[in-house]
Amino acid sequence: MKHLNLPTLLTLSRIGMTPFIVVLLYFPNRITCLGAALLYIVASFSDYIDGRLARSSGQVTSFGKFLDPLADKVLNCSILIMLTGLHWIPSWVVLIIVARELMITGLRAIAADAGHVMAADHFGKLKTVLQGVAVVPLTLHYSWFGVDPAPAGEVLLYIALALTVLSGGKYMYDFYVFWRDGEALEK
């Protein structure tokens, strides 16, 4: 069971926290939204920790490389869909984000099957960070100490959306170049 090392268990815990965050958002009030935001912060921090731990301890596995971005997508897409259901963010924004995630995941799988790794680029990493930072004030939603966090979250979400489109376009172009220049896809 070498696949179940500590970094992988942390990644799995991120997936496991997602339903709890969704349930908290299903009954929105100040307390449940605060709980969802705090749990999301813990889950996001686990993403940082599991990556550093895997690299520093030499516990990077193929399973972990597959599971880590999947856990991020499950966590972030679930919360964004919940925020759409609450009418706290526009559905078209979430549609673009989720569609990009599905397309890039599919392209990565095709490339991986052909022995090619499509690693995350700087735009994709920045997109993920900005989405995560945007989710916190959007999830808090209610005014706290006279400050409404939602507008800041909306601005960050729109910046993340622009990076989503930009990085998605770059991935598709990179995949096109790989496909055009290689015979690997014709197995």
C-alpha atoms as a PDB file:
ATOM      1  CA  MET A   1       0.000   0.000   0.000  1.00  0.00           C
ATOM      2  CA  LYS A   2       2.819   2.380  -0.884  1.00  0.00           C
ATOM      3  CA  HIS A   3       0.228   4.582  -2.595  1.00  0.00           C
ATOM      4  CA  LEU A   4      -1.330   5.419   0.770  1.00  0.00           C
ATOM      5  CA  ASN A   5       1.476   7.531   2.121  1.00  0.00           C
ATOM      6  CA  LEU A   6       0.869  10.644   4.237  1.00  0.00           C
ATOM      7  CA  PRO A   7       0.701  13.087   1.277  1.00  0.00           C
ATOM      8  CA  THR A   8      -1.877  10.880  -0.445  1.00  0.00           C
ATOM      9  CA  LEU A   9      -3.915  10.582   2.750  1.00  0.00           C
ATOM     10  CA  LEU A  10      -3.930  14.387   3.018  1.00  0.00           C
ATOM     11  CA  THR A  11      -5.158  14.595  -0.576  1.00  0.00           C
ATOM     12  CA  LEU A  12      -7.898  12.071   0.191  1.00  0.00           C
ATOM     13  CA  SER A  13      -8.879  14.106   3.254  1.00  0.00           C
ATOM     14  CA  ARG A  14      -9.447  17.093   0.953  1.00  0.00           C
ATOM     15  CA  ILE A  15     -11.947  15.046  -1.026  1.00  0.00           C
ATOM     16  CA  GLY A  16     -13.479  13.874   2.251  1.00  0.00           C
ATOM     17  CA  MET A  17     -13.950  17.448   3.519  1.00  0.00           C
ATOM     18  CA  THR A  18     -15.886  18.459   0.410  1.00  0.00           C
ATOM     19  CA  PRO A  19     -19.259  16.923   1.374  1.00  0.00           C
ATOM     20  CA  PHE A  20     -19.097  18.613   4.790  1.00  0.00           C
ATOM     21  CA  ILE A  21     -18.514  21.997   3.171  1.00  0.00           C
ATOM     22  CA  VAL A  22     -21.390  21.352   0.756  1.00  0.00           C
ATOM     23  CA  VAL A  23     -23.739  20.421   3.620  1.00  0.00           C
ATOM     24  CA  LEU A  24     -22.772  23.562   5.547  1.00  0.00           C
ATOM     25  CA  LEU A  25     -23.547  25.662   2.470  1.00  0.00           C
ATOM     26  CA  TYR A  26     -26.826  23.799   1.955  1.00  0.00           C
ATOM     27  CA  PHE A  27     -28.126  25.483   5.121  1.00  0.00           C
ATOM     28  CA  PRO A  28     -26.656  28.976   4.693  1.00  0.00           C
ATOM     29  CA  ASN A  29     -26.446  31.289   7.658  1.00  0.00           C
ATOM     30  CA  ARG A  30     -23.609  33.209   9.270  1.00  0.00           C
ATOM     31  CA  ILE A  31     -22.379  30.250  11.321  1.00  0.00           C
ATOM     32  CA  THR A  32     -22.573  27.562   8.619  1.00  0.00           C
ATOM     33  CA  CYS A  33     -20.936  29.876   6.067  1.00  0.00           C
ATOM     34  CA  LEU A  34     -18.132  30.655   8.517  1.00  0.00           C
ATOM     35  CA  GLY A  35     -17.712  26.919   9.137  1.00  0.00           C
ATOM     36  CA  ALA A  36     -17.653  26.207   5.391  1.00  0.00           C
ATOM     37  CA  ALA A  37     -15.059  28.941   4.809  1.00  0.00           C
ATOM     38  CA  LEU A  38     -12.834  27.679   7.639  1.00  0.00           C
ATOM     39  CA  LEU A  39     -13.096  24.067   6.477  1.00  0.00           C
ATOM     40  CA  TYR A  40     -12.289  25.205   2.933  1.00  0.00           C
ATOM     41  CA  ILE A  41      -9.189  27.016   4.214  1.00  0.00           C
ATOM     42  CA  VAL A  42      -8.069  23.838   6.014  1.00  0.00           C
ATOM     43  CA  ALA A  43      -8.691  21.769   2.863  1.00  0.00           C
ATOM     44  CA  SER A  44      -6.783  24.274   0.716  1.00  0.00           C
ATOM     45  CA  PHE A  45      -3.891  24.336   3.167  1.00  0.00           C
ATOM     46  CA  SER A  46      -3.756  20.528   3.001  1.00  0.00           C
ATOM     47  CA  ASP A  47      -3.157  20.895  -0.754  1.00  0.00           C
ATOM     48  CA  TYR A  48      -0.088  22.996  -0.068  1.00  0.00           C
ATOM     49  CA  ILE A  49       1.154  20.644   2.664  1.00  0.00           C
ATOM     50  CA  ASP A  50       0.673  17.391   0.762  1.00  0.00           C
ATOM     51  CA  GLY A  51       2.655  18.688  -2.227  1.00  0.00           C
ATOM     52  CA  ARG A  52       5.558  19.951  -0.153  1.00  0.00           C
ATOM     53  CA  LEU A  53       5.591  16.813   1.951  1.00  0.00           C
ATOM     54  CA  ALA A  54       5.522  14.502  -1.077  1.00  0.00           C
ATOM     55  CA  ARG A  55       8.425  16.310  -2.747  1.00  0.00           C
ATOM     56  CA  SER A  56      10.562  16.748   0.377  1.00  0.00           C
ATOM     57  CA  SER A  57      10.165  13.145   1.521  1.00  0.00           C
ATOM     58  CA  GLY A  58      10.466  11.569  -1.919  1.00  0.00           C
ATOM     59  CA  GLN A  59       6.920  10.214  -1.744  1.00  0.00           C
ATOM     60  CA  VAL A  60       5.720  11.503  -5.127  1.00  0.00           C
ATOM     61  CA  THR A  61       3.686   8.734  -6.770  1.00  0.00           C
ATOM     62  CA  SER A  62       1.791   8.412 -10.038  1.00  0.00           C
ATOM     63  CA  PHE A  63      -1.366   7.894  -7.992  1.00  0.00           C
ATOM     64  CA  GLY A  64      -0.701  11.111  -6.079  1.00  0.00           C
ATOM     65  CA  LYS A  65      -0.020  13.027  -9.298  1.00  0.00           C
ATOM     66  CA  PHE A  66      -3.404  11.870 -10.570  1.00  0.00           C
ATOM     67  CA  LEU A  67      -5.315  12.305  -7.321  1.00  0.00           C
ATOM     68  CA  ASP A  68      -4.058  15.766  -6.293  1.00  0.00           C
ATOM     69  CA  PRO A  69      -5.526  17.774  -9.208  1.00  0.00           C
ATOM     70  CA  LEU A  70      -8.673  15.641  -9.054  1.00  0.00           C
ATOM     71  CA  ALA A  71      -9.125  16.530  -5.381  1.00  0.00           C
ATOM     72  CA  ASP A  72      -8.697  20.221  -6.217  1.00  0.00           C
ATOM     73  CA  LYS A  73     -11.337  19.996  -8.940  1.00  0.00           C
ATOM     74  CA  VAL A  74     -13.798  18.102  -6.729  1.00  0.00           C
ATOM     75  CA  LEU A  75     -13.377  20.625  -3.911  1.00  0.00           C
ATOM     76  CA  ASN A  76     -13.459  23.817  -5.962  1.00  0.00           C
ATOM     77  CA  CYS A  77     -16.114  22.820  -8.483  1.00  0.00           C
ATOM     78  CA  SER A  78     -18.421  21.530  -5.738  1.00  0.00           C
ATOM     79  CA  ILE A  79     -18.224  24.790  -3.822  1.00  0.00           C
ATOM     80  CA  LEU A  80     -18.632  26.954  -6.921  1.00  0.00           C
ATOM     81  CA  ILE A  81     -21.700  24.934  -7.934  1.00  0.00           C
ATOM     82  CA  MET A  82     -23.162  25.393  -4.433  1.00  0.00           C
ATOM     83  CA  LEU A  83     -22.530  29.154  -4.611  1.00  0.00           C
ATOM     84  CA  THR A  84     -24.343  29.198  -7.959  1.00  0.00           C
ATOM     85  CA  GLY A  85     -27.277  27.315  -6.442  1.00  0.00           C
ATOM     86  CA  LEU A  86     -27.460  29.951  -3.714  1.00  0.00           C
ATOM     87  CA  HIS A  87     -27.454  32.659  -6.419  1.00  0.00           C
ATOM     88  CA  TRP A  88     -24.332  34.183  -4.898  1.00  0.00           C
ATOM     89  CA  ILE A  89     -22.337  33.967  -8.142  1.00  0.00           C
ATOM     90  CA  PRO A  90     -23.446  33.823 -11.798  1.00  0.00           C
ATOM     91  CA  SER A  91     -23.922  30.362 -13.241  1.00  0.00           C
ATOM     92  CA  TRP A  92     -22.198  31.276 -16.530  1.00  0.00           C
ATOM     93  CA  VAL A  93     -18.946  31.898 -14.629  1.00  0.00           C
ATOM     94  CA  VAL A  94     -19.085  28.460 -13.013  1.00  0.00           C
ATOM     95  CA  LEU A  95     -20.056  26.862 -16.320  1.00  0.00           C
ATOM     96  CA  ILE A  96     -16.887  28.222 -17.966  1.00  0.00           C
ATOM     97  CA  ILE A  97     -14.709  27.148 -15.025  1.00  0.00           C
ATOM     98  CA  VAL A  98     -16.146  23.624 -14.826  1.00  0.00           C
ATOM     99  CA  ALA A  99     -16.081  23.153 -18.620  1.00  0.00           C
ATOM    100  CA  ARG A 100     -12.412  24.193 -18.703  1.00  0.00           C
ATOM    101  CA  GLU A 101     -11.570  21.764 -15.897  1.00  0.00           C
ATOM    102  CA  LEU A 102     -13.299  18.880 -17.690  1.00  0.00           C
ATOM    103  CA  MET A 103     -11.654  19.673 -21.036  1.00  0.00           C
ATOM    104  CA  ILE A 104      -8.170  20.000 -19.591  1.00  0.00           C
ATOM    105  CA  THR A 105      -8.571  16.827 -17.537  1.00  0.00           C
ATOM    106  CA  GLY A 106      -9.588  14.979 -20.710  1.00  0.00           C
ATOM    107  CA  LEU A 107      -6.674  16.378 -22.725  1.00  0.00           C
ATOM    108  CA  ARG A 108      -4.246  15.483 -19.948  1.00  0.00           C
ATOM    109  CA  ALA A 109      -5.594  11.926 -19.873  1.00  0.00           C
ATOM    110  CA  ILE A 110      -5.195  11.531 -23.647  1.00  0.00           C
ATOM    111  CA  ALA A 111      -1.668  12.959 -23.517  1.00  0.00           C
ATOM    112  CA  ALA A 112      -0.762  10.763 -20.542  1.00  0.00           C
ATOM    113  CA  ASP A 113      -2.001   7.684 -22.382  1.00  0.00           C
ATOM    114  CA  ALA A 114       0.419   8.618 -25.159  1.00  0.00           C
ATOM    115  CA  GLY A 115       3.269   9.037 -22.649  1.00  0.00           C
ATOM    116  CA  HIS A 116       3.216  12.849 -22.586  1.00  0.00           C
ATOM    117  CA  VAL A 117       2.818  14.883 -19.396  1.00  0.00           C
ATOM    118  CA  MET A 118       0.939  18.171 -19.641  1.00  0.00           C
ATOM    119  CA  ALA A 119       2.125  19.894 -16.479  1.00  0.00           C
ATOM    120  CA  ALA A 120       0.368  22.874 -14.937  1.00  0.00           C
ATOM    121  CA  ASP A 121       1.774  26.191 -16.094  1.00  0.00           C
ATOM    122  CA  HIS A 122       2.045  29.466 -14.174  1.00  0.00           C
ATOM    123  CA  PHE A 123      -1.332  30.732 -15.416  1.00  0.00           C
ATOM    124  CA  GLY A 124      -3.041  27.521 -14.309  1.00  0.00           C
ATOM    125  CA  LYS A 125      -1.414  27.647 -10.876  1.00  0.00           C
ATOM    126  CA  LEU A 126      -2.276  31.330 -10.442  1.00  0.00           C
ATOM    127  CA  LYS A 127      -5.845  30.591 -11.567  1.00  0.00           C
ATOM    128  CA  THR A 128      -6.139  27.913  -8.887  1.00  0.00           C
ATOM    129  CA  VAL A 129      -4.789  30.219  -6.181  1.00  0.00           C
ATOM    130  CA  LEU A 130      -7.085  33.096  -7.167  1.00  0.00           C
ATOM    131  CA  GLN A 131     -10.109  30.804  -7.320  1.00  0.00           C
ATOM    132  CA  GLY A 132      -9.287  29.566  -3.850  1.00  0.00           C
ATOM    133  CA  VAL A 133      -8.812  33.055  -2.457  1.00  0.00           C
ATOM    134  CA  ALA A 134     -12.077  34.169  -4.114  1.00  0.00           C
ATOM    135  CA  VAL A 135     -14.048  31.276  -2.629  1.00  0.00           C
ATOM    136  CA  VAL A 136     -13.405  32.351   0.965  1.00  0.00           C
ATOM    137  CA  PRO A 137     -15.122  35.790   0.875  1.00  0.00           C
ATOM    138  CA  LEU A 138     -17.815  34.422  -1.439  1.00  0.00           C
ATOM    139  CA  THR A 139     -18.539  31.636   1.046  1.00  0.00           C
ATOM    140  CA  LEU A 140     -18.559  34.016   4.014  1.00  0.00           C
ATOM    141  CA  HIS A 141     -21.227  35.972   2.083  1.00  0.00           C
ATOM    142  CA  TYR A 142     -22.736  37.827   5.046  1.00  0.00           C
ATOM    143  CA  SER A 143     -21.482  41.148   6.349  1.00  0.00           C
ATOM    144  CA  TRP A 144     -18.805  40.746   9.024  1.00  0.00           C
ATOM    145  CA  PHE A 145     -18.032  43.655  11.346  1.00  0.00           C
ATOM    146  CA  GLY A 146     -19.732  45.981   8.885  1.00  0.00           C
ATOM    147  CA  VAL A 147     -17.739  44.713   5.888  1.00  0.00           C
ATOM    148  CA  ASP A 148     -19.342  42.777   3.032  1.00  0.00           C
ATOM    149  CA  PRO A 149     -16.724  40.267   1.778  1.00  0.00           C
ATOM    150  CA  ALA A 150     -18.672  39.251  -1.342  1.00  0.00           C
ATOM    151  CA  PRO A 151     -17.580  42.120  -3.670  1.00  0.00           C
ATOM    152  CA  ALA A 152     -13.894  41.332  -3.085  1.00  0.00           C
ATOM    153  CA  GLY A 153     -14.608  37.667  -3.788  1.00  0.00           C
ATOM    154  CA  GLU A 154     -16.440  38.571  -6.991  1.00  0.00           C
ATOM    155  CA  VAL A 155     -13.534  40.677  -8.274  1.00  0.00           C
ATOM    156  CA  LEU A 156     -11.077  37.869  -7.535  1.00  0.00           C
ATOM    157  CA  LEU A 157     -13.396  35.340  -9.179  1.00  0.00           C
ATOM    158  CA  TYR A 158     -13.567  37.388 -12.389  1.00  0.00           C
ATOM    159  CA  ILE A 159      -9.773  37.685 -12.467  1.00  0.00           C
ATOM    160  CA  ALA A 160      -9.569  33.916 -11.899  1.00  0.00           C
ATOM    161  CA  LEU A 161     -12.102  33.463 -14.724  1.00  0.00           C
ATOM    162  CA  ALA A 162      -9.863  35.418 -17.118  1.00  0.00           C
ATOM    163  CA  LEU A 163      -6.912  33.232 -16.098  1.00  0.00           C
ATOM    164  CA  THR A 164      -9.134  30.157 -16.486  1.00  0.00           C
ATOM    165  CA  VAL A 165      -9.803  31.045 -20.114  1.00  0.00           C
ATOM    166  CA  LEU A 166      -6.181  32.050 -20.770  1.00  0.00           C
ATOM    167  CA  SER A 167      -4.646  28.919 -19.219  1.00  0.00           C
ATOM    168  CA  GLY A 168      -7.294  26.695 -20.820  1.00  0.00           C
ATOM    169  CA  GLY A 169      -6.445  28.148 -24.223  1.00  0.00           C
ATOM    170  CA  LYS A 170      -2.750  27.552 -23.590  1.00  0.00           C
ATOM    171  CA  TYR A 171      -3.377  23.921 -22.600  1.00  0.00           C
ATOM    172  CA  MET A 172      -5.449  23.371 -25.737  1.00  0.00           C
ATOM    173  CA  TYR A 173      -2.744  24.932 -27.896  1.00  0.00           C
ATOM    174  CA  ASP A 174      -0.040  22.822 -26.220  1.00  0.00           C
ATOM    175  CA  PHE A 175      -2.148  19.714 -26.782  1.00  0.00           C
ATOM    176  CA  TYR A 176      -2.695  20.687 -30.427  1.00  0.00           C
ATOM    177  CA  VAL A 177       1.079  21.041 -30.951  1.00  0.00           C
ATOM    178  CA  PHE A 178       1.649  17.656 -29.283  1.00  0.00           C
ATOM    179  CA  TRP A 179      -1.059  16.055 -31.426  1.00  0.00           C
ATOM    180  CA  ARG A 180       0.107  17.739 -34.653  1.00  0.00           C
ATOM    181  CA  ASP A 181       3.769  16.902 -34.178  1.00  0.00           C
ATOM    182  CA  GLY A 182       3.442  13.393 -32.802  1.00  0.00           C
ATOM    183  CA  GLU A 183       2.239  10.077 -34.003  1.00  0.00           C
ATOM    184  CA  ALA A 184       1.674   8.967 -30.415  1.00  0.00           C
ATOM    185  CA  LEU A 185      -2.074   9.498 -30.588  1.00  0.00           C
ATOM    186  CA  GLU A 186      -2.477   7.092 -33.488  1.00  0.00           C
ATOM    187  CA  LYS A 187      -1.830   3.920 -31.498  1.00  0.00           C
END
